[in-house]
PDB file of N, CA and C in Angstrom:
ATOM      1  N   MET A   1       0.601  -1.203  -0.396  1.00  0.00           N
ATOM      2  CA  MET A   1      -0.007  -0.332   0.147  1.00  0.00           C
ATOM      3  C   MET A   1       0.732   1.661   0.003  1.00  0.00           C
ATOM      4  N   ARG A   2       1.769   1.020  -1.510  1.00  0.00           N
ATOM      5  CA  ARG A   2       2.131   1.704  -0.704  1.00  0.00           C
ATOM      6  C   ARG A   2       1.585   3.955  -1.662  1.00  0.00           C
ATOM      7  N   LYS A   3       2.444   4.674  -0.541  1.00  0.00           N
ATOM      8  CA  LYS A   3       1.818   6.029  -1.052  1.00  0.00           C
ATOM      9  C   LYS A   3       2.058   6.513  -3.076  1.00  0.00           C
ATOM     10  N   ILE A   4       1.270   7.124  -3.519  1.00  0.00           N
ATOM     11  CA  ILE A   4       2.312   7.638  -4.248  1.00  0.00           C
ATOM     12  C   ILE A   4       3.150   8.837  -4.800  1.00  0.00           C
ATOM     13  N   PRO A   5       3.481   8.599  -5.495  1.00  0.00           N
ATOM     14  CA  PRO A   5       4.367   9.393  -4.913  1.00  0.00           C
ATOM     15  C   PRO A   5       4.483  11.272  -5.925  1.00  0.00           C
ATOM     16  N   THR A   6       4.981  12.469  -5.446  1.00  0.00           N
ATOM     17  CA  THR A   6       5.464  14.040  -6.100  1.00  0.00           C
ATOM     18  C   THR A   6       5.647  13.042  -7.741  1.00  0.00           C
ATOM     19  N   LEU A   7       5.888  14.341  -8.228  1.00  0.00           N
ATOM     20  CA  LEU A   7       6.620  14.130  -9.308  1.00  0.00           C
ATOM     21  C   LEU A   7       8.011  15.004  -9.273  1.00  0.00           C
ATOM     22  N   PHE A   8       7.796  15.160  -7.772  1.00  0.00           N
ATOM     23  CA  PHE A   8       8.887  16.283  -7.316  1.00  0.00           C
ATOM     24  C   PHE A   8       9.702  15.451  -6.924  1.00  0.00           C
ATOM     25  N   LEU A   9      10.744  15.524  -5.779  1.00  0.00           N
ATOM     26  CA  LEU A   9      11.713  15.037  -5.193  1.00  0.00           C
ATOM     27  C   LEU A   9      11.049  15.777  -3.735  1.00  0.00           C
ATOM     28  N   ARG A  10      11.368  15.661  -2.591  1.00  0.00           N
ATOM     29  CA  ARG A  10      10.290  16.632  -1.230  1.00  0.00           C
ATOM     30  C   ARG A  10      11.466  17.234  -0.987  1.00  0.00           C
ATOM     31  N   ASP A  11      11.991  18.015  -0.108  1.00  0.00           N
ATOM     32  CA  ASP A  11      13.258  18.988   0.540  1.00  0.00           C
ATOM     33  C   ASP A  11      12.891  18.469   1.108  1.00  0.00           C
ATOM     34  N   PRO A  12      13.732  17.596   1.719  1.00  0.00           N
ATOM     35  CA  PRO A  12      14.454  16.537   3.071  1.00  0.00           C
ATOM     36  C   PRO A  12      14.024  17.604   3.791  1.00  0.00           C
ATOM     37  N   ASP A  13      14.577  19.393   4.283  1.00  0.00           N
ATOM     38  CA  ASP A  13      14.797  20.200   5.436  1.00  0.00           C
ATOM     39  C   ASP A  13      13.210  20.286   5.262  1.00  0.00           C
ATOM     40  N   ASP A  14      12.972  20.885   4.472  1.00  0.00           N
ATOM     41  CA  ASP A  14      11.292  20.448   4.787  1.00  0.00           C
ATOM     42  C   ASP A  14      10.210  19.679   3.871  1.00  0.00           C
ATOM     43  N   MET A  15      10.132  18.821   4.511  1.00  0.00           N
ATOM     44  CA  MET A  15       9.301  17.397   3.456  1.00  0.00           C
ATOM     45  C   MET A  15       7.965  18.332   3.405  1.00  0.00           C
ATOM     46  N   ARG A  16       7.600  19.268   3.695  1.00  0.00           N
ATOM     47  CA  ARG A  16       6.257  20.320   2.886  1.00  0.00           C
ATOM     48  C   ARG A  16       6.438  20.250   1.446  1.00  0.00           C
ATOM     49  N   ARG A  17       7.357  20.571   1.086  1.00  0.00           N
ATOM     50  CA  ARG A  17       8.050  21.321  -0.498  1.00  0.00           C
ATOM     51  C   ARG A  17       8.823  19.790  -1.197  1.00  0.00           C
ATOM     52  N   VAL A  18       8.679  20.613  -2.643  1.00  0.00           N
ATOM     53  CA  VAL A  18       9.445  20.050  -3.132  1.00  0.00           C
ATOM     54  C   VAL A  18      10.680  21.316  -3.964  1.00  0.00           C
ATOM     55  N   THR A  19      10.903  20.028  -4.713  1.00  0.00           N
ATOM     56  CA  THR A  19      12.857  20.621  -5.270  1.00  0.00           C
ATOM     57  C   THR A  19      12.336  20.754  -7.128  1.00  0.00           C
ATOM     58  N   SER A  20      12.745  20.891  -7.524  1.00  0.00           N
ATOM     59  CA  SER A  20      13.216  21.106  -8.607  1.00  0.00           C
ATOM     60  C   SER A  20      13.207  19.782  -9.212  1.00  0.00           C
ATOM     61  N   ASP A  21      13.902  19.270  -8.211  1.00  0.00           N
ATOM     62  CA  ASP A  21      14.678  17.574  -8.822  1.00  0.00           C
ATOM     63  C   ASP A  21      13.319  15.935  -9.697  1.00  0.00           C
ATOM     64  N   VAL A  22      13.785  15.726 -10.092  1.00  0.00           N
ATOM     65  CA  VAL A  22      12.081  14.296 -10.730  1.00  0.00           C
ATOM     66  C   VAL A  22      12.620  13.593  -9.888  1.00  0.00           C
ATOM     67  N   HIS A  23      11.551  12.887  -9.328  1.00  0.00           N
ATOM     68  CA  HIS A  23      11.237  11.559  -8.396  1.00  0.00           C
ATOM     69  C   HIS A  23      11.406  11.106  -9.814  1.00  0.00           C
ATOM     70  N   PRO A  24      12.146   9.568  -9.059  1.00  0.00           N
ATOM     71  CA  PRO A  24      12.697   8.618 -10.198  1.00  0.00           C
ATOM     72  C   PRO A  24      12.111   7.896 -11.144  1.00  0.00           C
ATOM     73  N   ASP A  25      10.992   7.676  -9.384  1.00  0.00           N
ATOM     74  CA  ASP A  25       9.324   6.950 -10.396  1.00  0.00           C
ATOM     75  C   ASP A  25       8.834   7.650 -10.832  1.00  0.00           C
ATOM     76  N   CYS A  26       9.002   9.136 -11.024  1.00  0.00           N
ATOM     77  CA  CYS A  26       8.081   9.912 -12.913  1.00  0.00           C
ATOM     78  C   CYS A  26       8.320  10.548 -13.147  1.00  0.00           C
ATOM     79  N   GLN A  27       9.408   9.739 -13.567  1.00  0.00           N
ATOM     80  CA  GLN A  27      10.565  10.408 -14.414  1.00  0.00           C
ATOM     81  C   GLN A  27       9.076  10.249 -16.701  1.00  0.00           C
ATOM     82  N   TRP A  28       8.850   9.173 -16.021  1.00  0.00           N
ATOM     83  CA  TRP A  28       7.877   9.411 -17.196  1.00  0.00           C
ATOM     84  C   TRP A  28       7.061   9.958 -17.519  1.00  0.00           C
ATOM     85  N   VAL A  29       6.548  10.968 -16.143  1.00  0.00           N
ATOM     86  CA  VAL A  29       5.500  11.816 -17.008  1.00  0.00           C
ATOM     87  C   VAL A  29       6.127  12.487 -18.150  1.00  0.00           C
ATOM     88  N   LEU A  30       7.477  13.278 -17.803  1.00  0.00           N
ATOM     89  CA  LEU A  30       8.474  14.152 -18.620  1.00  0.00           C
ATOM     90  C   LEU A  30       8.710  13.567 -18.941  1.00  0.00           C
ATOM     91  N   ASP A  31       8.912  12.232 -19.677  1.00  0.00           N
ATOM     92  CA  ASP A  31       9.610  12.125 -20.845  1.00  0.00           C
ATOM     93  C   ASP A  31       8.089  11.189 -22.081  1.00  0.00           C
ATOM     94  N   GLY A  32       7.073  11.762 -21.484  1.00  0.00           N
ATOM     95  CA  GLY A  32       5.466  11.476 -23.265  1.00  0.00           C
ATOM     96  C   GLY A  32       4.975  10.617 -22.190  1.00  0.00           C
ATOM     97  N   GLU A  33       5.659   8.436 -21.297  1.00  0.00           N
ATOM     98  CA  GLU A  33       5.770   7.783 -21.294  1.00  0.00           C
ATOM     99  C   GLU A  33       3.475   7.925 -20.815  1.00  0.00           C
ATOM    100  N   GLY A  34       3.684   8.244 -21.418  1.00  0.00           N
ATOM    101  CA  GLY A  34       1.618   8.053 -20.519  1.00  0.00           C
ATOM    102  C   GLY A  34       0.771  10.110 -19.922  1.00  0.00           C
ATOM    103  N   THR A  35      -0.344   9.250 -18.868  1.00  0.00           N
ATOM    104  CA  THR A  35      -0.982  10.635 -19.039  1.00  0.00           C
ATOM    105  C   THR A  35      -0.168   9.840 -17.512  1.00  0.00           C
ATOM    106  N   ALA A  36      -0.431  11.588 -17.088  1.00  0.00           N
ATOM    107  CA  ALA A  36      -0.473  11.970 -15.076  1.00  0.00           C
ATOM    108  C   ALA A  36      -1.588  12.055 -14.898  1.00  0.00           C
ATOM    109  N   THR A  37      -1.992  11.454 -13.953  1.00  0.00           N
ATOM    110  CA  THR A  37      -3.354  11.517 -12.541  1.00  0.00           C
ATOM    111  C   THR A  37      -2.687  13.274 -11.551  1.00  0.00           C
ATOM    112  N   ARG A  38      -4.494  13.775 -11.815  1.00  0.00           N
ATOM    113  CA  ARG A  38      -3.535  14.672 -10.646  1.00  0.00           C
ATOM    114  C   ARG A  38      -4.150  13.811  -8.620  1.00  0.00           C
ATOM    115  N   LYS A  39      -3.889  13.810  -7.523  1.00  0.00           N
ATOM    116  CA  LYS A  39      -4.228  13.181  -6.511  1.00  0.00           C
ATOM    117  C   LYS A  39      -4.281  14.534  -6.135  1.00  0.00           C
ATOM    118  N   TYR A  40      -5.684  14.664  -5.517  1.00  0.00           N
ATOM    119  CA  TYR A  40      -6.146  15.536  -4.139  1.00  0.00           C
ATOM    120  C   TYR A  40      -5.810  15.130  -3.235  1.00  0.00           C
ATOM    121  N   ASP A  41      -5.807  15.690  -1.818  1.00  0.00           N
ATOM    122  CA  ASP A  41      -5.441  15.339  -0.836  1.00  0.00           C
ATOM    123  C   ASP A  41      -6.144  15.581  -0.826  1.00  0.00           C
ATOM    124  N   GLY A  42      -6.837  14.219   0.313  1.00  0.00           N
ATOM    125  CA  GLY A  42      -7.864  12.973   0.474  1.00  0.00           C
ATOM    126  C   GLY A  42      -7.528  12.199   1.546  1.00  0.00           C
ATOM    127  N   THR A  43      -8.583  11.668   1.348  1.00  0.00           N
ATOM    128  CA  THR A  43      -9.074  10.659   2.154  1.00  0.00           C
ATOM    129  C   THR A  43      -8.926   9.186   1.186  1.00  0.00           C
ATOM    130  N   CYS A  44      -8.016   8.005   1.485  1.00  0.00           N
ATOM    131  CA  CYS A  44      -7.483   6.870   0.612  1.00  0.00           C
ATOM    132  C   CYS A  44      -7.992   6.388   1.263  1.00  0.00           C
ATOM    133  N   VAL A  45      -9.071   5.799  -0.137  1.00  0.00           N
ATOM    134  CA  VAL A  45     -10.522   4.322   0.757  1.00  0.00           C
ATOM    135  C   VAL A  45     -10.945   3.928  -0.783  1.00  0.00           C
ATOM    136  N   MET A  46     -10.687   2.483  -0.797  1.00  0.00           N
ATOM    137  CA  MET A  46     -11.679   1.282  -2.623  1.00  0.00           C
ATOM    138  C   MET A  46     -12.818   0.770  -2.350  1.00  0.00           C
ATOM    139  N   TYR A  47     -12.865   0.485  -3.242  1.00  0.00           N
ATOM    140  CA  TYR A  47     -14.704   0.182  -3.576  1.00  0.00           C
ATOM    141  C   TYR A  47     -13.609  -1.469  -4.694  1.00  0.00           C
ATOM    142  N   ASP A  48     -14.437  -2.770  -3.763  1.00  0.00           N
ATOM    143  CA  ASP A  48     -13.036  -3.934  -4.043  1.00  0.00           C
ATOM    144  C   ASP A  48     -14.359  -5.043  -4.318  1.00  0.00           C
ATOM    145  N   GLY A  49     -15.360  -3.698  -5.324  1.00  0.00           N
ATOM    146  CA  GLY A  49     -16.695  -4.624  -5.485  1.00  0.00           C
ATOM    147  C   GLY A  49     -18.139  -4.549  -5.305  1.00  0.00           C
ATOM    148  N   GLU A  50     -18.211  -4.942  -4.555  1.00  0.00           N
ATOM    149  CA  GLU A  50     -19.336  -4.816  -3.283  1.00  0.00           C
ATOM    150  C   GLU A  50     -20.000  -4.565  -2.299  1.00  0.00           C
ATOM    151  N   ARG A  51     -17.914  -3.309  -1.909  1.00  0.00           N
ATOM    152  CA  ARG A  51     -18.016  -2.430  -1.108  1.00  0.00           C
ATOM    153  C   ARG A  51     -17.073  -1.610  -0.712  1.00  0.00           C
ATOM    154  N   TRP A  52     -17.184  -0.892   0.211  1.00  0.00           N
ATOM    155  CA  TRP A  52     -16.225   1.224   0.046  1.00  0.00           C
ATOM    156  C   TRP A  52     -15.186  -0.035   1.067  1.00  0.00           C
ATOM    157  N   TRP A  53     -13.643   1.631   1.692  1.00  0.00           N
ATOM    158  CA  TRP A  53     -13.145   0.165   2.511  1.00  0.00           C
ATOM    159  C   TRP A  53     -12.533   1.898   3.022  1.00  0.00           C
ATOM    160  N   ALA A  54     -12.335   2.189   3.506  1.00  0.00           N
ATOM    161  CA  ALA A  54     -11.197   3.562   4.137  1.00  0.00           C
ATOM    162  C   ALA A  54     -10.148   3.376   3.847  1.00  0.00           C
ATOM    163  N   ARG A  55      -8.993   4.015   4.097  1.00  0.00           N
ATOM    164  CA  ARG A  55      -7.150   2.807   4.587  1.00  0.00           C
ATOM    165  C   ARG A  55      -7.714   3.440   6.137  1.00  0.00           C
ATOM    166  N   ARG A  56      -7.147   2.629   6.576  1.00  0.00           N
ATOM    167  CA  ARG A  56      -6.826   2.275   7.854  1.00  0.00           C
ATOM    168  C   ARG A  56      -5.152   2.190   9.386  1.00  0.00           C
ATOM    169  N   GLU A  57      -4.715   2.659   9.553  1.00  0.00           N
ATOM    170  CA  GLU A  57      -2.948   2.522  10.451  1.00  0.00           C
ATOM    171  C   GLU A  57      -3.246   1.944  11.523  1.00  0.00           C
ATOM    172  N   VAL A  58      -2.656   0.693  11.614  1.00  0.00           N
ATOM    173  CA  VAL A  58      -3.428   0.388  13.229  1.00  0.00           C
ATOM    174  C   VAL A  58      -0.775   0.543  13.780  1.00  0.00           C
ATOM    175  N   LYS A  59      -1.685   1.313  14.930  1.00  0.00           N
ATOM    176  CA  LYS A  59      -0.258   1.648  16.235  1.00  0.00           C
ATOM    177  C   LYS A  59       0.139   0.439  16.239  1.00  0.00           C
ATOM    178  N   PRO A  60       1.339  -0.423  16.380  1.00  0.00           N
ATOM    179  CA  PRO A  60       1.618  -1.720  17.458  1.00  0.00           C
ATOM    180  C   PRO A  60       1.630  -1.797  18.752  1.00  0.00           C
ATOM    181  N   GLY A  61       0.083  -2.730  19.128  1.00  0.00           N
ATOM    182  CA  GLY A  61      -0.070  -2.736  20.433  1.00  0.00           C
ATOM    183  C   GLY A  61      -1.500  -2.536  20.196  1.00  0.00           C
ATOM    184  N   ARG A  62      -1.886  -1.838  19.737  1.00  0.00           N
ATOM    185  CA  ARG A  62      -3.272  -1.252  19.659  1.00  0.00           C
ATOM    186  C   ARG A  62      -4.300  -2.104  18.990  1.00  0.00           C
ATOM    187  N   ALA A  63      -6.064  -2.043  19.409  1.00  0.00           N
ATOM    188  CA  ALA A  63      -6.580  -3.819  18.541  1.00  0.00           C
ATOM    189  C   ALA A  63      -6.822  -3.073  17.458  1.00  0.00           C
ATOM    190  N   THR A  64      -7.290  -3.903  16.535  1.00  0.00           N
ATOM    191  CA  THR A  64      -7.435  -3.283  15.060  1.00  0.00           C
ATOM    192  C   THR A  64      -9.623  -3.270  15.333  1.00  0.00           C
ATOM    193  N   PRO A  65      -9.776  -2.388  14.071  1.00  0.00           N
ATOM    194  CA  PRO A  65     -11.188  -2.445  13.816  1.00  0.00           C
ATOM    195  C   PRO A  65     -12.273  -3.650  13.505  1.00  0.00           C
ATOM    196  N   ALA A  66     -13.437  -3.503  14.090  1.00  0.00           N
ATOM    197  CA  ALA A  66     -13.953  -4.698  13.087  1.00  0.00           C
ATOM    198  C   ALA A  66     -14.046  -5.312  11.929  1.00  0.00           C
ATOM    199  N   GLY A  67     -13.697  -5.965  11.787  1.00  0.00           N
ATOM    200  CA  GLY A  67     -13.593  -5.208   9.617  1.00  0.00           C
ATOM    201  C   GLY A  67     -12.620  -5.829   9.307  1.00  0.00           C
ATOM    202  N   TYR A  68     -11.663  -5.384  10.204  1.00  0.00           N
ATOM    203  CA  TYR A  68     -10.062  -4.837   9.568  1.00  0.00           C
ATOM    204  C   TYR A  68      -9.781  -5.667   8.526  1.00  0.00           C
ATOM    205  N   GLN A  69      -9.133  -5.192   7.650  1.00  0.00           N
ATOM    206  CA  GLN A  69      -8.151  -6.148   6.487  1.00  0.00           C
ATOM    207  C   GLN A  69      -6.509  -5.811   6.844  1.00  0.00           C
ATOM    208  N   PRO A  70      -5.938  -6.218   7.352  1.00  0.00           N
ATOM    209  CA  PRO A  70      -3.838  -5.801   6.732  1.00  0.00           C
ATOM    210  C   PRO A  70      -3.986  -5.563   6.132  1.00  0.00           C
ATOM    211  N   VAL A  71      -3.095  -4.813   5.053  1.00  0.00           N
ATOM    212  CA  VAL A  71      -2.167  -5.938   4.041  1.00  0.00           C
ATOM    213  C   VAL A  71      -0.659  -5.876   4.312  1.00  0.00           C
ATOM    214  N   MET A  72      -0.383  -4.314   4.724  1.00  0.00           N
ATOM    215  CA  MET A  72       1.450  -5.231   5.411  1.00  0.00           C
ATOM    216  C   MET A  72       1.186  -4.316   6.740  1.00  0.00           C
ATOM    217  N   THR A  73       2.895  -4.819   7.077  1.00  0.00           N
ATOM    218  CA  THR A  73       3.707  -4.303   8.087  1.00  0.00           C
ATOM    219  C   THR A  73       4.649  -3.148   8.870  1.00  0.00           C
ATOM    220  N   ASP A  74       5.118  -2.197   8.662  1.00  0.00           N
ATOM    221  CA  ASP A  74       6.005  -1.224   8.809  1.00  0.00           C
ATOM    222  C   ASP A  74       7.357  -2.023   9.210  1.00  0.00           C
ATOM    223  N   GLU A  75       8.461  -2.561   9.092  1.00  0.00           N
ATOM    224  CA  GLU A  75       9.155  -2.649   9.395  1.00  0.00           C
ATOM    225  C   GLU A  75       9.961  -2.357  10.395  1.00  0.00           C
ATOM    226  N   VAL A  76       9.760  -1.134  10.073  1.00  0.00           N
ATOM    227  CA  VAL A  76      10.565   0.739  11.359  1.00  0.00           C
ATOM    228  C   VAL A  76       9.856   0.465  11.825  1.00  0.00           C
ATOM    229  N   THR A  77       8.439   0.688  11.944  1.00  0.00           N
ATOM    230  CA  THR A  77       7.101   1.445  12.943  1.00  0.00           C
ATOM    231  C   THR A  77       6.557   0.669  13.757  1.00  0.00           C
ATOM    232  N   GLY A  78       6.405   0.099  13.041  1.00  0.00           N
ATOM    233  CA  GLY A  78       5.495  -1.708  13.644  1.00  0.00           C
ATOM    234  C   GLY A  78       4.092  -1.783  13.145  1.00  0.00           C
ATOM    235  N   LYS A  79       3.582  -0.066  12.131  1.00  0.00           N
ATOM    236  CA  LYS A  79       2.662   0.099  12.173  1.00  0.00           C
ATOM    237  C   LYS A  79       1.829  -0.285  11.028  1.00  0.00           C
ATOM    238  N   THR A  80       0.676  -0.888  10.998  1.00  0.00           N
ATOM    239  CA  THR A  80       0.488  -2.193  10.780  1.00  0.00           C
ATOM    240  C   THR A  80      -0.532  -1.051   8.986  1.00  0.00           C
ATOM    241  N   VAL A  81      -0.778  -1.183   8.316  1.00  0.00           N
ATOM    242  CA  VAL A  81      -1.609  -0.194   7.602  1.00  0.00           C
ATOM    243  C   VAL A  81      -2.857  -1.255   6.751  1.00  0.00           C
ATOM    244  N   GLY A  82      -4.126  -1.381   6.336  1.00  0.00           N
ATOM    245  CA  GLY A  82      -5.215  -2.491   6.152  1.00  0.00           C
ATOM    246  C   GLY A  82      -6.041  -1.056   5.751  1.00  0.00           C
ATOM    247  N   TRP A  83      -7.412  -1.636   5.636  1.00  0.00           N
ATOM    248  CA  TRP A  83      -9.248  -1.423   5.203  1.00  0.00           C
ATOM    249  C   TRP A  83      -9.321  -1.497   6.321  1.00  0.00           C
ATOM    250  N   GLU A  84     -10.688  -0.991   6.970  1.00  0.00           N
ATOM    251  CA  GLU A  84     -11.538  -1.096   7.453  1.00  0.00           C
ATOM    252  C   GLU A  84     -13.591  -0.726   7.410  1.00  0.00           C
ATOM    253  N   PRO A  85     -14.033  -0.752   7.242  1.00  0.00           N
ATOM    254  CA  PRO A  85     -15.409  -0.685   6.178  1.00  0.00           C
ATOM    255  C   PRO A  85     -15.627   0.300   6.258  1.00  0.00           C
ATOM    256  N   VAL A  86     -15.289   1.388   5.704  1.00  0.00           N
ATOM    257  CA  VAL A  86     -15.562   3.003   5.534  1.00  0.00           C
ATOM    258  C   VAL A  86     -17.008   3.308   5.952  1.00  0.00           C
ATOM    259  N   GLU A  87     -18.182   2.744   6.231  1.00  0.00           N
ATOM    260  CA  GLU A  87     -19.202   2.912   7.532  1.00  0.00           C
ATOM    261  C   GLU A  87     -19.045   2.373   9.025  1.00  0.00           C
ATOM    262  N   GLN A  88     -18.174   2.612   8.832  1.00  0.00           N
ATOM    263  CA  GLN A  88     -17.463   2.712  10.237  1.00  0.00           C
ATOM    264  C   GLN A  88     -16.091   3.329  10.335  1.00  0.00           C
ATOM    265  N   SER A  89     -15.787   3.695   9.293  1.00  0.00           N
ATOM    266  CA  SER A  89     -14.085   4.869   9.739  1.00  0.00           C
ATOM    267  C   SER A  89     -15.405   5.973  10.353  1.00  0.00           C
ATOM    268  N   SER A  90     -14.115   7.004  10.959  1.00  0.00           N
ATOM    269  CA  SER A  90     -14.279   8.168  10.801  1.00  0.00           C
ATOM    270  C   SER A  90     -14.003   8.591   9.770  1.00  0.00           C
ATOM    271  N   PHE A  91     -14.180   8.887   8.887  1.00  0.00           N
ATOM    272  CA  PHE A  91     -14.456   9.639   7.206  1.00  0.00           C
ATOM    273  C   PHE A  91     -15.756   8.947   6.850  1.00  0.00           C
ATOM    274  N   ALA A  92     -17.135   8.455   7.931  1.00  0.00           N
ATOM    275  CA  ALA A  92     -18.085   8.080   6.885  1.00  0.00           C
ATOM    276  C   ALA A  92     -18.973   8.848   6.623  1.00  0.00           C
ATOM    277  N   THR A  93     -19.165  10.097   7.077  1.00  0.00           N
ATOM    278  CA  THR A  93     -19.353  11.118   6.910  1.00  0.00           C
ATOM    279  C   THR A  93     -19.038  11.931   5.316  1.00  0.00           C
ATOM    280  N   PHE A  94     -18.236  12.683   5.570  1.00  0.00           N
ATOM    281  CA  PHE A  94     -17.250  12.581   4.056  1.00  0.00           C
ATOM    282  C   PHE A  94     -17.369  11.178   3.092  1.00  0.00           C
ATOM    283  N   HIS A  95     -18.072  11.020   3.230  1.00  0.00           N
ATOM    284  CA  HIS A  95     -17.685  10.284   2.080  1.00  0.00           C
ATOM    285  C   HIS A  95     -19.024  10.086   1.342  1.00  0.00           C
ATOM    286  N   ALA A  96     -19.756   9.163   2.519  1.00  0.00           N
ATOM    287  CA  ALA A  96     -21.461   9.954   2.004  1.00  0.00           C
ATOM    288  C   ALA A  96     -21.401  11.254   1.502  1.00  0.00           C
ATOM    289  N   GLU A  97     -21.907  12.122   2.054  1.00  0.00           N
ATOM    290  CA  GLU A  97     -21.522  13.712   1.370  1.00  0.00           C
ATOM    291  C   GLU A  97     -20.470  14.013  -0.397  1.00  0.00           C
ATOM    292  N   ALA A  98     -19.553  12.774  -0.454  1.00  0.00           N
ATOM    293  CA  ALA A  98     -18.964  13.019  -1.575  1.00  0.00           C
ATOM    294  C   ALA A  98     -19.638  12.395  -2.533  1.00  0.00           C
ATOM    295  N   LEU A  99     -19.776  10.873  -2.054  1.00  0.00           N
ATOM    296  CA  LEU A  99     -21.023  10.533  -2.787  1.00  0.00           C
ATOM    297  C   LEU A  99     -22.061  10.697  -3.117  1.00  0.00           C
ATOM    298  N   ASP A 100     -22.582  11.196  -2.810  1.00  0.00           N
ATOM    299  CA  ASP A 100     -23.606  12.557  -2.757  1.00  0.00           C
ATOM    300  C   ASP A 100     -24.396  13.621  -3.553  1.00  0.00           C
ATOM    301  N   ALA A 101     -23.117  14.341  -3.364  1.00  0.00           N
ATOM    302  CA  ALA A 101     -22.524  15.265  -4.696  1.00  0.00           C
ATOM    303  C   ALA A 101     -22.157  15.209  -5.665  1.00  0.00           C
ATOM    304  N   ILE A 102     -22.162  13.655  -6.477  1.00  0.00           N
ATOM    305  CA  ILE A 102     -21.684  13.239  -7.306  1.00  0.00           C
ATOM    306  C   ILE A 102     -23.094  13.630  -8.176  1.00  0.00           C
ATOM    307  N   VAL A 103     -22.925  14.640  -9.193  1.00  0.00           N
ATOM    308  CA  VAL A 103     -24.118  14.431  -9.968  1.00  0.00           C
ATOM    309  C   VAL A 103     -24.402  13.929 -11.558  1.00  0.00           C
ATOM    310  N   ASP A 104     -23.453  13.271 -12.068  1.00  0.00           N
ATOM    311  CA  ASP A 104     -23.201  12.309 -12.768  1.00  0.00           C
ATOM    312  C   ASP A 104     -22.757  11.367 -12.656  1.00  0.00           C
ATOM    313  N   ALA A 105     -23.976  10.100 -13.387  1.00  0.00           N
ATOM    314  CA  ALA A 105     -23.575   8.943 -12.599  1.00  0.00           C
ATOM    315  C   ALA A 105     -22.711   8.241 -13.601  1.00  0.00           C
ATOM    316  N   ASP A 106     -22.605   8.194 -14.614  1.00  0.00           N
ATOM    317  CA  ASP A 106     -21.722   8.365 -15.441  1.00  0.00           C
ATOM    318  C   ASP A 106     -20.305   7.854 -15.131  1.00  0.00           C
ATOM    319  N   GLN A 107     -19.379   9.293 -13.646  1.00  0.00           N
ATOM    320  CA  GLN A 107     -18.586   9.771 -13.495  1.00  0.00           C
ATOM    321  C   GLN A 107     -18.114   7.858 -12.618  1.00  0.00           C
ATOM    322  N   PHE A 108     -19.389   7.503 -12.021  1.00  0.00           N
ATOM    323  CA  PHE A 108     -18.863   6.845 -10.584  1.00  0.00           C
ATOM    324  C   PHE A 108     -19.923   5.040 -11.273  1.00  0.00           C
ATOM    325  N   ALA A 109     -18.878   4.131 -10.610  1.00  0.00           N
ATOM    326  CA  ALA A 109     -19.745   3.194 -10.419  1.00  0.00           C
ATOM    327  C   ALA A 109     -20.231   1.754  -9.834  1.00  0.00           C
ATOM    328  N   GLY A 110     -20.021   2.521  -8.645  1.00  0.00           N
ATOM    329  CA  GLY A 110     -20.500   1.628  -7.337  1.00  0.00           C
ATOM    330  C   GLY A 110     -21.621   2.107  -6.668  1.00  0.00           C
ATOM    331  N   PRO A 111     -21.945   1.234  -5.672  1.00  0.00           N
ATOM    332  CA  PRO A 111     -23.253   1.599  -4.965  1.00  0.00           C
ATOM    333  C   PRO A 111     -22.679   3.320  -3.803  1.00  0.00           C
ATOM    334  N   GLN A 112     -24.296   2.888  -3.783  1.00  0.00           N
ATOM    335  CA  GLN A 112     -24.155   4.373  -2.727  1.00  0.00           C
ATOM    336  C   GLN A 112     -24.107   3.796  -1.832  1.00  0.00           C
ATOM    337  N   LEU A 113     -23.409   4.265  -0.530  1.00  0.00           N
ATOM    338  CA  LEU A 113     -22.808   4.308   0.726  1.00  0.00           C
ATOM    339  C   LEU A 113     -23.832   3.418   1.612  1.00  0.00           C
ATOM    340  N   GLY A 114     -24.613   2.240   1.798  1.00  0.00           N
ATOM    341  CA  GLY A 114     -24.859   1.548   2.615  1.00  0.00           C
ATOM    342  C   GLY A 114     -26.050   0.776   1.366  1.00  0.00           C
ATOM    343  N   ALA A 115     -26.346   0.733   0.169  1.00  0.00           N
ATOM    344  CA  ALA A 115     -27.222   0.155  -0.932  1.00  0.00           C
ATOM    345  C   ALA A 115     -26.783  -1.021  -0.690  1.00  0.00           C
ATOM    346  N   THR A 116     -27.024  -2.202  -1.069  1.00  0.00           N
ATOM    347  CA  THR A 116     -27.529  -3.414  -1.299  1.00  0.00           C
ATOM    348  C   THR A 116     -27.001  -4.211  -2.538  1.00  0.00           C
TER     349      THR A 116
END
């Protein structure tokens, strides 16, 4: 569950800023080998064809939420990253609001939250 890299490398002295150096994993964008997608900051969610999931990070020694699906554990921090059902996550209200805001049904192929 690796995060999407930024086009430019981050400034090690201030990780909120980027440098003018291209991230090696993103050189293909400047080489014209595909179409980059703009990622807006927000909540990481996944639709698996049946239900919506929210990304969840669980610190070592903490209980996992009901229905949690672990994906990987960081060897350095001990944090486990995985998915929890979005309807029980702290983002449930925002997720439902985002789905309600979709006007054009062609933009979205999944069900509305709570639909079966």
